[in-house]
Amino acid sequence: MDWRLYIAADPAIVHGTACFNGTRIPVSVVLDKLAYGEMPERILEQYASLRQEHILAALAYAADLARERANEIPTG
């Protein structure tokens, strides 16, 4: 999944926050909902302009960010 086909950050849209192309829906909103257990089908019901590809793009975007950053993860 090439998330770049579905996600962009434009300084003129939501202050440069990563959003789904053609919308003002931040990717973080979808990722937060998924993290809290919201089903993708429910998210798609709540945001009529999104499709299944947007959900997959959000996950691919998050995976790329996790690989790119060296986050310190506390142990025990």
PDB file of N, CA and C in Angstrom:
ATOM      1  N   MET A   1       0.852  -1.190   0.000  1.00  0.00           N
ATOM      2  CA  MET A   1       0.000   0.000   0.000  1.00  0.00           C
ATOM      3  C   MET A   1       0.889   1.241   0.000  1.00  0.00           C
ATOM      4  N   ASP A   2       0.736   2.062  -1.017  1.00  0.00           N
ATOM      5  CA  ASP A   2       1.448   3.333  -1.066  1.00  0.00           C
ATOM      6  C   ASP A   2       0.537   4.407  -0.486  1.00  0.00           C
ATOM      7  N   TRP A   3       0.722   4.709   0.779  1.00  0.00           N
ATOM      8  CA  TRP A   3      -0.139   5.654   1.475  1.00  0.00           C
ATOM      9  C   TRP A   3      -0.070   7.047   0.868  1.00  0.00           C
ATOM     10  N   ARG A   4       1.006   7.350   0.158  1.00  0.00           N
ATOM     11  CA  ARG A   4       1.170   8.679  -0.438  1.00  0.00           C
ATOM     12  C   ARG A   4       0.093   8.990  -1.483  1.00  0.00           C
ATOM     13  N   LEU A   5      -0.560   7.964  -1.987  1.00  0.00           N
ATOM     14  CA  LEU A   5      -1.651   8.171  -2.942  1.00  0.00           C
ATOM     15  C   LEU A   5      -2.915   8.679  -2.250  1.00  0.00           C
ATOM     16  N   TYR A   6      -2.991   8.534  -0.940  1.00  0.00           N
ATOM     17  CA  TYR A   6      -4.203   8.848  -0.194  1.00  0.00           C
ATOM     18  C   TYR A   6      -4.026   9.914   0.883  1.00  0.00           C
ATOM     19  N   ILE A   7      -2.776  10.235   1.227  1.00  0.00           N
ATOM     20  CA  ILE A   7      -2.504  11.125   2.355  1.00  0.00           C
ATOM     21  C   ILE A   7      -1.540  12.220   1.922  1.00  0.00           C
ATOM     22  N   ALA A   8      -1.818  13.439   2.371  1.00  0.00           N
ATOM     23  CA  ALA A   8      -0.927  14.557   2.088  1.00  0.00           C
ATOM     24  C   ALA A   8      -0.989  15.544   3.246  1.00  0.00           C
ATOM     25  N   ALA A   9       0.040  16.368   3.335  1.00  0.00           N
ATOM     26  CA  ALA A   9       0.070  17.447   4.319  1.00  0.00           C
ATOM     27  C   ALA A   9       0.252  18.749   3.549  1.00  0.00           C
ATOM     28  N   ASP A  10      -0.747  19.604   3.623  1.00  0.00           N
ATOM     29  CA  ASP A  10      -0.746  20.884   2.922  1.00  0.00           C
ATOM     30  C   ASP A  10      -0.874  21.982   3.970  1.00  0.00           C
ATOM     31  N   PRO A  11       0.083  22.923   4.009  1.00  0.00           N
ATOM     32  CA  PRO A  11       0.014  23.983   5.020  1.00  0.00           C
ATOM     33  C   PRO A  11      -1.293  24.778   4.997  1.00  0.00           C
ATOM     34  N   ALA A  12      -1.996  24.767   3.870  1.00  0.00           N
ATOM     35  CA  ALA A  12      -3.250  25.507   3.754  1.00  0.00           C
ATOM     36  C   ALA A  12      -4.457  24.711   4.249  1.00  0.00           C
ATOM     37  N   ILE A  13      -4.250  23.445   4.571  1.00  0.00           N
ATOM     38  CA  ILE A  13      -5.354  22.590   5.026  1.00  0.00           C
ATOM     39  C   ILE A  13      -5.036  22.057   6.419  1.00  0.00           C
ATOM     40  N   VAL A  14      -5.847  22.404   7.377  1.00  0.00           N
ATOM     41  CA  VAL A  14      -5.706  21.975   8.778  1.00  0.00           C
ATOM     42  C   VAL A  14      -4.277  22.199   9.280  1.00  0.00           C
ATOM     43  N   HIS A  15      -3.730  23.352   8.935  1.00  0.00           N
ATOM     44  CA  HIS A  15      -2.407  23.776   9.407  1.00  0.00           C
ATOM     45  C   HIS A  15      -1.290  22.791   9.079  1.00  0.00           C
ATOM     46  N   GLY A  16      -1.416  22.088   7.957  1.00  0.00           N
ATOM     47  CA  GLY A  16      -0.364  21.173   7.539  1.00  0.00           C
ATOM     48  C   GLY A  16      -0.423  19.792   8.155  1.00  0.00           C
ATOM     49  N   THR A  17      -1.499  19.506   8.873  1.00  0.00           N
ATOM     50  CA  THR A  17      -1.677  18.173   9.449  1.00  0.00           C
ATOM     51  C   THR A  17      -1.890  17.159   8.328  1.00  0.00           C
ATOM     52  N   ALA A  18      -1.349  15.973   8.475  1.00  0.00           N
ATOM     53  CA  ALA A  18      -1.556  14.921   7.483  1.00  0.00           C
ATOM     54  C   ALA A  18      -3.041  14.581   7.422  1.00  0.00           C
ATOM     55  N   CYS A  19      -3.632  14.770   6.238  1.00  0.00           N
ATOM     56  CA  CYS A  19      -5.058  14.507   6.013  1.00  0.00           C
ATOM     57  C   CYS A  19      -5.218  13.615   4.795  1.00  0.00           C
ATOM     58  N   PHE A  20      -6.376  13.030   4.695  1.00  0.00           N
ATOM     59  CA  PHE A  20      -6.686  12.237   3.512  1.00  0.00           C
ATOM     60  C   PHE A  20      -6.945  13.189   2.351  1.00  0.00           C
ATOM     61  N   ASN A  21      -6.385  12.880   1.210  1.00  0.00           N
ATOM     62  CA  ASN A  21      -6.512  13.734   0.031  1.00  0.00           C
ATOM     63  C   ASN A  21      -7.969  14.065  -0.249  1.00  0.00           C
ATOM     64  N   GLY A  22      -8.212  15.338  -0.535  1.00  0.00           N
ATOM     65  CA  GLY A  22      -9.554  15.789  -0.868  1.00  0.00           C
ATOM     66  C   GLY A  22     -10.476  15.971   0.318  1.00  0.00           C
ATOM     67  N   THR A  23      -9.937  15.811   1.537  1.00  0.00           N
ATOM     68  CA  THR A  23     -10.747  15.972   2.748  1.00  0.00           C
ATOM     69  C   THR A  23     -10.003  16.856   3.739  1.00  0.00           C
ATOM     70  N   ARG A  24     -10.674  17.169   4.815  1.00  0.00           N
ATOM     71  CA  ARG A  24     -10.036  17.847   5.949  1.00  0.00           C
ATOM     72  C   ARG A  24      -9.993  16.888   7.147  1.00  0.00           C
ATOM     73  N   ILE A  25     -10.041  15.607   6.863  1.00  0.00           N
ATOM     74  CA  ILE A  25     -10.033  14.586   7.918  1.00  0.00           C
ATOM     75  C   ILE A  25      -8.585  14.200   8.219  1.00  0.00           C
ATOM     76  N   PRO A  26      -8.098  14.531   9.411  1.00  0.00           N
ATOM     77  CA  PRO A  26      -6.740  14.151   9.776  1.00  0.00           C
ATOM     78  C   PRO A  26      -6.578  12.629   9.893  1.00  0.00           C
ATOM     79  N   VAL A  27      -5.465  12.144   9.445  1.00  0.00           N
ATOM     80  CA  VAL A  27      -5.155  10.724   9.547  1.00  0.00           C
ATOM     81  C   VAL A  27      -5.148  10.297  11.011  1.00  0.00           C
ATOM     82  N   SER A  28      -4.697  11.173  11.883  1.00  0.00           N
ATOM     83  CA  SER A  28      -4.628  10.840  13.305  1.00  0.00           C
ATOM     84  C   SER A  28      -6.001  10.516  13.885  1.00  0.00           C
ATOM     85  N   VAL A  29      -7.052  11.117  13.361  1.00  0.00           N
ATOM     86  CA  VAL A  29      -8.408  10.825  13.847  1.00  0.00           C
ATOM     87  C   VAL A  29      -8.738   9.356  13.596  1.00  0.00           C
ATOM     88  N   VAL A  30      -8.457   8.885  12.401  1.00  0.00           N
ATOM     89  CA  VAL A  30      -8.734   7.488  12.057  1.00  0.00           C
ATOM     90  C   VAL A  30      -7.847   6.555  12.875  1.00  0.00           C
ATOM     91  N   LEU A  31      -6.569   6.897  13.011  1.00  0.00           N
ATOM     92  CA  LEU A  31      -5.660   6.049  13.788  1.00  0.00           C
ATOM     93  C   LEU A  31      -6.077   5.989  15.254  1.00  0.00           C
ATOM     94  N   ASP A  32      -6.497   7.112  15.815  1.00  0.00           N
ATOM     95  CA  ASP A  32      -6.976   7.115  17.200  1.00  0.00           C
ATOM     96  C   ASP A  32      -8.192   6.211  17.361  1.00  0.00           C
ATOM     97  N   LYS A  33      -9.124   6.310  16.431  1.00  0.00           N
ATOM     98  CA  LYS A  33     -10.328   5.483  16.512  1.00  0.00           C
ATOM     99  C   LYS A  33      -9.977   4.000  16.420  1.00  0.00           C
ATOM    100  N   LEU A  34      -9.068   3.648  15.519  1.00  0.00           N
ATOM    101  CA  LEU A  34      -8.645   2.248  15.411  1.00  0.00           C
ATOM    102  C   LEU A  34      -7.947   1.787  16.685  1.00  0.00           C
ATOM    103  N   ALA A  35      -7.112   2.653  17.248  1.00  0.00           N
ATOM    104  CA  ALA A  35      -6.379   2.301  18.469  1.00  0.00           C
ATOM    105  C   ALA A  35      -7.314   2.055  19.646  1.00  0.00           C
ATOM    106  N   TYR A  36      -8.456   2.725  19.643  1.00  0.00           N
ATOM    107  CA  TYR A  36      -9.419   2.544  20.728  1.00  0.00           C
ATOM    108  C   TYR A  36     -10.456   1.471  20.429  1.00  0.00           C
ATOM    109  N   GLY A  37     -10.222   0.718  19.346  1.00  0.00           N
ATOM    110  CA  GLY A  37     -11.067  -0.430  19.075  1.00  0.00           C
ATOM    111  C   GLY A  37     -12.238  -0.194  18.140  1.00  0.00           C
ATOM    112  N   GLU A  38     -12.315   0.992  17.577  1.00  0.00           N
ATOM    113  CA  GLU A  38     -13.401   1.258  16.621  1.00  0.00           C
ATOM    114  C   GLU A  38     -13.218   0.377  15.392  1.00  0.00           C
ATOM    115  N   MET A  39     -14.282  -0.212  14.925  1.00  0.00           N
ATOM    116  CA  MET A  39     -14.218  -1.064  13.741  1.00  0.00           C
ATOM    117  C   MET A  39     -14.123  -0.192  12.482  1.00  0.00           C
ATOM    118  N   PRO A  40     -13.314  -0.613  11.509  1.00  0.00           N
ATOM    119  CA  PRO A  40     -13.186   0.173  10.273  1.00  0.00           C
ATOM    120  C   PRO A  40     -14.537   0.478   9.623  1.00  0.00           C
ATOM    121  N   GLU A  41     -15.462  -0.453   9.668  1.00  0.00           N
ATOM    122  CA  GLU A  41     -16.770  -0.238   9.063  1.00  0.00           C
ATOM    123  C   GLU A  41     -17.495   0.932   9.717  1.00  0.00           C
ATOM    124  N   ARG A  42     -17.362   1.039  11.017  1.00  0.00           N
ATOM    125  CA  ARG A  42     -17.998   2.144  11.761  1.00  0.00           C
ATOM    126  C   ARG A  42     -17.365   3.475  11.390  1.00  0.00           C
ATOM    127  N   ILE A  43     -16.044   3.497  11.244  1.00  0.00           N
ATOM    128  CA  ILE A  43     -15.346   4.722  10.845  1.00  0.00           C
ATOM    129  C   ILE A  43     -15.828   5.163   9.470  1.00  0.00           C
ATOM    130  N   LEU A  44     -15.977   4.212   8.561  1.00  0.00           N
ATOM    131  CA  LEU A  44     -16.450   4.534   7.220  1.00  0.00           C
ATOM    132  C   LEU A  44     -17.883   5.056   7.248  1.00  0.00           C
ATOM    133  N   GLU A  45     -18.696   4.586   8.186  1.00  0.00           N
ATOM    134  CA  GLU A  45     -20.051   5.113   8.342  1.00  0.00           C
ATOM    135  C   GLU A  45     -20.023   6.554   8.848  1.00  0.00           C
ATOM    136  N   GLN A  46     -19.084   6.843   9.740  1.00  0.00           N
ATOM    137  CA  GLN A  46     -18.993   8.175  10.336  1.00  0.00           C
ATOM    138  C   GLN A  46     -18.423   9.213   9.362  1.00  0.00           C
ATOM    139  N   TYR A  47     -17.585   8.781   8.447  1.00  0.00           N
ATOM    140  CA  TYR A  47     -16.928   9.678   7.494  1.00  0.00           C
ATOM    141  C   TYR A  47     -17.221   9.184   6.080  1.00  0.00           C
ATOM    142  N   ALA A  48     -18.303   9.671   5.520  1.00  0.00           N
ATOM    143  CA  ALA A  48     -18.807   9.174   4.237  1.00  0.00           C
ATOM    144  C   ALA A  48     -17.819   9.370   3.087  1.00  0.00           C
ATOM    145  N   SER A  49     -16.898  10.314   3.200  1.00  0.00           N
ATOM    146  CA  SER A  49     -15.953  10.558   2.106  1.00  0.00           C
ATOM    147  C   SER A  49     -14.781   9.577   2.110  1.00  0.00           C
ATOM    148  N   LEU A  50     -14.666   8.753   3.150  1.00  0.00           N
ATOM    149  CA  LEU A  50     -13.574   7.782   3.221  1.00  0.00           C
ATOM    150  C   LEU A  50     -14.002   6.436   2.663  1.00  0.00           C
ATOM    151  N   ARG A  51     -12.997   5.705   2.180  1.00  0.00           N
ATOM    152  CA  ARG A  51     -13.198   4.342   1.680  1.00  0.00           C
ATOM    153  C   ARG A  51     -12.220   3.415   2.415  1.00  0.00           C
ATOM    154  N   GLN A  52     -12.371   2.134   2.205  1.00  0.00           N
ATOM    155  CA  GLN A  52     -11.499   1.147   2.845  1.00  0.00           C
ATOM    156  C   GLN A  52     -10.026   1.445   2.570  1.00  0.00           C
ATOM    157  N   GLU A  53      -9.718   1.932   1.381  1.00  0.00           N
ATOM    158  CA  GLU A  53      -8.330   2.251   1.029  1.00  0.00           C
ATOM    159  C   GLU A  53      -7.738   3.309   1.954  1.00  0.00           C
ATOM    160  N   HIS A  54      -8.575   4.218   2.442  1.00  0.00           N
ATOM    161  CA  HIS A  54      -8.083   5.244   3.356  1.00  0.00           C
ATOM    162  C   HIS A  54      -7.676   4.642   4.694  1.00  0.00           C
ATOM    163  N   ILE A  55      -8.434   3.669   5.158  1.00  0.00           N
ATOM    164  CA  ILE A  55      -8.091   2.992   6.418  1.00  0.00           C
ATOM    165  C   ILE A  55      -6.747   2.281   6.266  1.00  0.00           C
ATOM    166  N   LEU A  56      -6.574   1.565   5.167  1.00  0.00           N
ATOM    167  CA  LEU A  56      -5.311   0.861   4.922  1.00  0.00           C
ATOM    168  C   LEU A  56      -4.159   1.838   4.761  1.00  0.00           C
ATOM    169  N   ALA A  57      -4.413   2.965   4.105  1.00  0.00           N
ATOM    170  CA  ALA A  57      -3.373   3.982   3.938  1.00  0.00           C
ATOM    171  C   ALA A  57      -2.956   4.553   5.290  1.00  0.00           C
ATOM    172  N   ALA A  58      -3.923   4.774   6.185  1.00  0.00           N
ATOM    173  CA  ALA A  58      -3.606   5.280   7.520  1.00  0.00           C
ATOM    174  C   ALA A  58      -2.708   4.306   8.272  1.00  0.00           C
ATOM    175  N   LEU A  59      -2.998   3.024   8.166  1.00  0.00           N
ATOM    176  CA  LEU A  59      -2.174   2.016   8.836  1.00  0.00           C
ATOM    177  C   LEU A  59      -0.776   1.954   8.225  1.00  0.00           C
ATOM    178  N   ALA A  60      -0.688   2.042   6.910  1.00  0.00           N
ATOM    179  CA  ALA A  60       0.617   2.028   6.243  1.00  0.00           C
ATOM    180  C   ALA A  60       1.428   3.269   6.627  1.00  0.00           C
ATOM    181  N   TYR A  61       0.763   4.413   6.722  1.00  0.00           N
ATOM    182  CA  TYR A  61       1.403   5.658   7.144  1.00  0.00           C
ATOM    183  C   TYR A  61       1.972   5.509   8.560  1.00  0.00           C
ATOM    184  N   ALA A  62       1.167   4.974   9.459  1.00  0.00           N
ATOM    185  CA  ALA A  62       1.616   4.767  10.839  1.00  0.00           C
ATOM    186  C   ALA A  62       2.784   3.793  10.900  1.00  0.00           C
ATOM    187  N   ALA A  63       2.737   2.746  10.091  1.00  0.00           N
ATOM    188  CA  ALA A  63       3.841   1.772  10.068  1.00  0.00           C
ATOM    189  C   ALA A  63       5.127   2.431   9.592  1.00  0.00           C
ATOM    190  N   ASP A  64       5.039   3.278   8.563  1.00  0.00           N
ATOM    191  CA  ASP A  64       6.227   3.989   8.092  1.00  0.00           C
ATOM    192  C   ASP A  64       6.778   4.910   9.171  1.00  0.00           C
ATOM    193  N   LEU A  65       5.903   5.613   9.858  1.00  0.00           N
ATOM    194  CA  LEU A  65       6.365   6.494  10.930  1.00  0.00           C
ATOM    195  C   LEU A  65       7.039   5.705  12.047  1.00  0.00           C
ATOM    196  N   ALA A  66       6.505   4.551  12.380  1.00  0.00           N
ATOM    197  CA  ALA A  66       7.096   3.722  13.438  1.00  0.00           C
ATOM    198  C   ALA A  66       8.478   3.230  13.037  1.00  0.00           C
ATOM    199  N   ARG A  67       8.676   2.943  11.758  1.00  0.00           N
ATOM    200  CA  ARG A  67       9.987   2.492  11.293  1.00  0.00           C
ATOM    201  C   ARG A  67      10.996   3.626  11.236  1.00  0.00           C
ATOM    202  N   GLU A  68      10.539   4.819  10.900  1.00  0.00           N
ATOM    203  CA  GLU A  68      11.446   5.941  10.690  1.00  0.00           C
ATOM    204  C   GLU A  68      11.953   6.562  11.977  1.00  0.00           C
ATOM    205  N   ARG A  69      11.199   6.483  13.028  1.00  0.00           N
ATOM    206  CA  ARG A  69      11.577   7.157  14.264  1.00  0.00           C
ATOM    207  C   ARG A  69      12.230   6.192  15.235  1.00  0.00           C
ATOM    208  N   ALA A  70      13.235   6.679  15.905  1.00  0.00           N
ATOM    209  CA  ALA A  70      13.886   5.883  16.932  1.00  0.00           C
ATOM    210  C   ALA A  70      13.273   6.274  18.269  1.00  0.00           C
ATOM    211  N   ASN A  71      12.165   5.665  18.603  1.00  0.00           N
ATOM    212  CA  ASN A  71      11.484   5.953  19.864  1.00  0.00           C
ATOM    213  C   ASN A  71      12.024   5.051  20.965  1.00  0.00           C
ATOM    214  N   GLU A  72      12.255   5.645  22.097  1.00  0.00           N
ATOM    215  CA  GLU A  72      12.703   4.863  23.241  1.00  0.00           C
ATOM    216  C   GLU A  72      11.472   4.259  23.907  1.00  0.00           C
ATOM    217  N   ILE A  73      11.459   2.952  23.998  1.00  0.00           N
ATOM    218  CA  ILE A  73      10.336   2.245  24.605  1.00  0.00           C
ATOM    219  C   ILE A  73      10.771   1.764  25.979  1.00  0.00           C
ATOM    220  N   PRO A  74      10.084   2.229  27.039  1.00  0.00           N
ATOM    221  CA  PRO A  74      10.477   1.809  28.391  1.00  0.00           C
ATOM    222  C   PRO A  74      10.251   0.312  28.597  1.00  0.00           C
ATOM    223  N   THR A  75      11.132  -0.299  29.368  1.00  0.00           N
ATOM    224  CA  THR A  75      11.005  -1.717  29.688  1.00  0.00           C
ATOM    225  C   THR A  75      10.574  -1.857  31.140  1.00  0.00           C
ATOM    226  N   GLY A  76       9.841  -2.963  31.359  1.00  0.00           N
ATOM    227  CA  GLY A  76       9.413  -3.364  32.699  1.00  0.00           C
ATOM    228  C   GLY A  76       9.121  -2.277  33.591  1.00  0.00           C
TER     229      GLY A  76
END
